[in-house]
Amino acid sequence: MNNPVASILLDDGRTITVELYPEIAPNTVNNFIQLANSGRYDGLTIHRIVKEFVLQGGSFTGDCCQENDEFSIRGEFSENGFENPLKHETGVISMARGNHFDSAATQWFIMHRPAERLDGKYAAFGKVTGGQEIVEELGYRPTDETPGKNNPPLTPIITEKIRVNLHDWNYTEPERIIPGVPLHS
């Protein structure tokens, strides 16, 4: 099977390509596909960069800790009773969430460096296959490191658009929890 492939086009014309793994996290992949291909990620920012850790995007408000009452999805990771063997190594994409295991909705992050402490606790669902040098460069962009600001880049990084080529994946609408589970419950 040819897995779905996401193209993250940045406003500077560069593209990060991510192979998605529906055999590992099928609903997470379907959720990401639906958001990307419906245009909901267009024009959003990579709103958080933690050097030697992650680049985070997908926030509709540009805030790392936004509340989402529209929907959330079940966390597809081991501590939530779902077997997901994908490790959080450099280049892996995963879903951000709040304290509640089922609070992930729209925000994703790409690993700048490995973080074993996330394994089994977050729904990893793909890996960068092109543009890792872009991830490297972005991972060292200057950020506002004021406590409570969540490390936004000093110069905005815009995801002009994200689209997913389905290839052989038999996409279905994602299963969502409506209203969404609060991030801090």
Protein backbone atom coordinates (compact mmCIF):
# COMPACT_ATOMS: atom_id res chain seq x y z
CA MET A 1 0.00 0.00 0.00
CA ASN A 2 1.15 3.53 -0.76
CA ASN A 3 0.49 5.55 2.37
CA PRO A 4 -1.08 9.01 2.25
CA VAL A 5 1.45 11.83 1.95
CA ALA A 6 0.96 15.33 3.37
CA SER A 7 2.60 18.35 1.78
CA ILE A 8 3.06 21.28 4.16
CA LEU A 9 3.66 24.35 1.98
CA LEU A 10 5.21 27.23 3.88
CA ASP A 11 4.74 30.86 2.88
CA ASP A 12 8.40 31.06 1.79
CA GLY A 13 7.71 28.44 -0.93
CA ARG A 14 9.40 25.50 0.81
CA THR A 15 7.59 22.22 1.40
CA ILE A 16 7.84 19.62 4.15
CA THR A 17 6.58 16.21 3.04
CA VAL A 18 5.19 13.81 5.63
CA GLU A 19 4.22 10.17 5.06
CA LEU A 20 1.19 9.31 7.18
CA TYR A 21 0.74 5.87 8.76
CA PRO A 22 -2.95 4.89 8.82
CA GLU A 23 -2.07 1.35 9.82
CA ILE A 24 -0.70 2.78 13.10
CA ALA A 25 -3.24 5.54 13.90
CA PRO A 26 -6.15 5.35 11.41
CA ASN A 27 -8.56 7.82 12.99
CA THR A 28 -5.79 10.32 13.72
CA VAL A 29 -4.73 10.14 10.06
CA ASN A 30 -8.33 10.55 8.86
CA ASN A 31 -8.78 13.56 11.16
CA PHE A 32 -5.60 15.19 9.82
CA ILE A 33 -6.65 14.44 6.20
CA GLN A 34 -10.10 15.95 6.73
CA LEU A 35 -8.67 19.13 8.28
CA ALA A 36 -5.93 19.50 5.66
CA ASN A 37 -7.96 18.74 2.55
CA SER A 38 -10.86 20.94 3.67
CA GLY A 39 -8.46 23.90 3.90
CA ARG A 40 -8.78 24.37 7.66
CA TYR A 41 -4.98 24.45 8.09
CA ASP A 42 -4.47 27.03 5.32
CA GLY A 43 -2.84 30.23 6.54
CA LEU A 44 -2.23 29.02 10.11
CA THR A 45 1.13 29.37 11.81
CA ILE A 46 3.73 27.13 13.29
CA HIS A 47 2.94 28.80 16.58
CA ARG A 48 5.37 27.06 18.94
CA ILE A 49 9.01 26.05 18.60
CA VAL A 50 10.88 24.42 21.44
CA LYS A 51 14.51 24.02 20.39
CA GLU A 52 15.76 20.44 20.47
CA PHE A 53 12.16 19.27 21.01
CA VAL A 54 9.21 20.19 18.72
CA LEU A 55 7.65 22.48 16.10
CA GLN A 56 3.91 22.81 16.67
CA GLY A 57 1.15 23.95 14.31
CA GLY A 58 -2.55 23.52 13.63
CA SER A 59 -3.96 26.03 16.11
CA PHE A 60 -6.96 27.93 14.77
CA THR A 61 -6.26 30.76 17.25
CA GLY A 62 -2.45 30.74 17.10
CA ASP A 63 -2.34 29.72 20.74
CA CYS A 64 -0.72 26.57 22.03
CA CYS A 65 -3.29 26.13 24.78
CA GLN A 66 -6.53 26.93 22.96
CA GLU A 67 -9.76 25.44 24.20
CA ASN A 68 -11.59 23.44 21.55
CA ASP A 69 -15.25 22.80 22.18
CA GLU A 70 -16.08 21.93 18.57
CA PHE A 71 -14.68 18.37 18.64
CA SER A 72 -11.83 16.16 19.76
CA ILE A 73 -10.67 12.66 18.86
CA ARG A 74 -9.79 9.57 20.86
CA GLY A 75 -6.07 9.41 21.57
CA GLU A 76 -4.53 6.54 19.62
CA PHE A 77 -1.63 5.70 21.94
CA SER A 78 -0.75 2.93 24.41
CA GLU A 79 -1.59 4.69 27.68
CA ASN A 80 -5.12 5.20 26.28
CA GLY A 81 -5.56 1.50 25.46
CA PHE A 82 -4.59 1.77 21.76
CA GLU A 83 -1.45 0.02 20.55
CA ASN A 84 0.77 2.53 18.73
CA PRO A 85 4.40 1.43 18.33
CA LEU A 86 5.65 4.59 16.55
CA LYS A 87 8.42 6.23 18.58
CA HIS A 88 8.76 10.00 18.93
CA GLU A 89 12.05 10.25 17.06
CA THR A 90 13.34 13.09 14.90
CA GLY A 91 10.87 13.91 12.11
CA VAL A 92 7.85 12.07 13.56
CA ILE A 93 4.52 13.94 13.48
CA SER A 94 2.14 13.51 16.40
CA MET A 95 -1.06 15.07 17.76
CA ALA A 96 -0.87 17.65 20.53
CA ARG A 97 -3.38 17.31 23.35
CA GLY A 98 -4.21 18.64 26.79
CA ASN A 99 -4.31 16.73 30.04
CA HIS A 100 -7.20 14.52 28.96
CA PHE A 101 -6.15 11.60 26.73
CA ASP A 102 -9.02 12.28 24.29
CA SER A 103 -8.52 16.06 23.95
CA ALA A 104 -6.52 16.14 20.68
CA ALA A 105 -8.33 17.93 17.87
CA THR A 106 -6.38 20.05 15.38
CA GLN A 107 -2.88 20.73 16.70
CA TRP A 108 0.06 18.62 15.55
CA PHE A 109 3.77 18.70 16.23
CA ILE A 110 6.89 17.50 14.42
CA MET A 111 9.76 16.21 16.51
CA HIS A 112 12.94 18.28 16.21
CA ARG A 113 14.73 15.72 18.37
CA PRO A 114 13.74 12.35 19.89
CA ALA A 115 11.72 12.39 23.12
CA GLU A 116 11.11 8.94 24.56
CA ARG A 117 8.99 10.49 27.32
CA LEU A 118 6.23 11.06 24.73
CA ASP A 119 6.15 7.44 23.52
CA GLY A 120 2.84 5.78 24.37
CA LYS A 121 1.40 9.10 25.58
CA TYR A 122 0.71 10.95 22.30
CA ALA A 123 -0.70 9.74 18.97
CA ALA A 124 2.27 9.60 16.59
CA PHE A 125 0.94 9.14 13.05
CA GLY A 126 3.62 9.77 10.43
CA LYS A 127 7.16 10.88 9.62
CA VAL A 128 8.88 13.56 7.56
CA THR A 129 10.16 12.06 4.29
CA GLY A 130 11.20 15.30 2.58
CA GLY A 131 12.33 18.64 3.93
CA GLN A 132 13.91 17.47 7.17
CA GLU A 133 16.51 20.21 6.59
CA ILE A 134 13.63 22.72 6.81
CA VAL A 135 12.53 21.22 10.14
CA GLU A 136 16.16 21.54 11.30
CA GLU A 137 16.36 25.20 10.31
CA LEU A 138 12.95 26.10 11.77
CA GLY A 139 13.82 24.31 15.00
CA TYR A 140 16.46 26.95 15.72
CA ARG A 141 14.42 30.04 14.83
CA PRO A 142 14.41 32.70 17.55
CA THR A 143 11.34 32.49 19.81
CA ASP A 144 9.76 34.49 22.60
CA GLU A 145 10.84 32.50 25.63
CA THR A 146 8.96 34.64 28.16
CA PRO A 147 7.36 32.29 30.74
CA GLY A 148 3.76 31.56 29.78
CA LYS A 149 4.19 32.60 26.12
CA ASN A 150 4.78 28.98 24.88
CA ASN A 151 7.73 29.84 22.61
CA PRO A 152 6.11 31.52 19.58
CA PRO A 153 8.59 32.31 16.77
CA LEU A 154 9.58 35.99 16.70
CA THR A 155 8.98 36.00 12.94
CA PRO A 156 5.73 34.22 11.98
CA ILE A 157 6.02 30.95 10.06
CA ILE A 158 2.86 30.47 7.98
CA THR A 159 1.61 27.12 6.69
CA GLU A 160 0.20 28.50 3.44
CA LYS A 161 -1.58 25.22 2.87
CA ILE A 162 -1.47 21.57 3.82
CA ARG A 163 -2.85 18.95 1.45
CA VAL A 164 -2.79 15.17 1.61
CA ASN A 165 -2.50 12.87 -1.40
CA LEU A 166 -4.46 9.78 -0.34
CA HIS A 167 -2.68 7.32 -2.67
CA ASP A 168 -4.14 3.89 -1.77
CA TRP A 169 -5.64 4.87 1.59
CA ASN A 170 -9.38 4.30 1.81
CA TYR A 171 -10.24 7.53 3.62
CA THR A 172 -13.33 7.63 5.82
CA GLU A 173 -14.70 10.50 7.88
CA PRO A 174 -12.92 10.65 11.25
CA GLU A 175 -14.73 9.56 14.39
CA ARG A 176 -14.98 12.66 16.56
CA ILE A 177 -16.15 13.42 20.07
CA ILE A 178 -18.70 16.25 19.92
CA PRO A 179 -18.51 18.53 21.79
CA GLY A 180 -14.78 18.20 22.28
CA VAL A 181 -13.18 17.04 25.51
CA PRO A 182 -11.72 20.10 27.30
CA LEU A 183 -7.93 20.37 27.23
CA HIS A 184 -7.72 20.86 30.97
CA SER A 185 -10.16 18.49 32.65
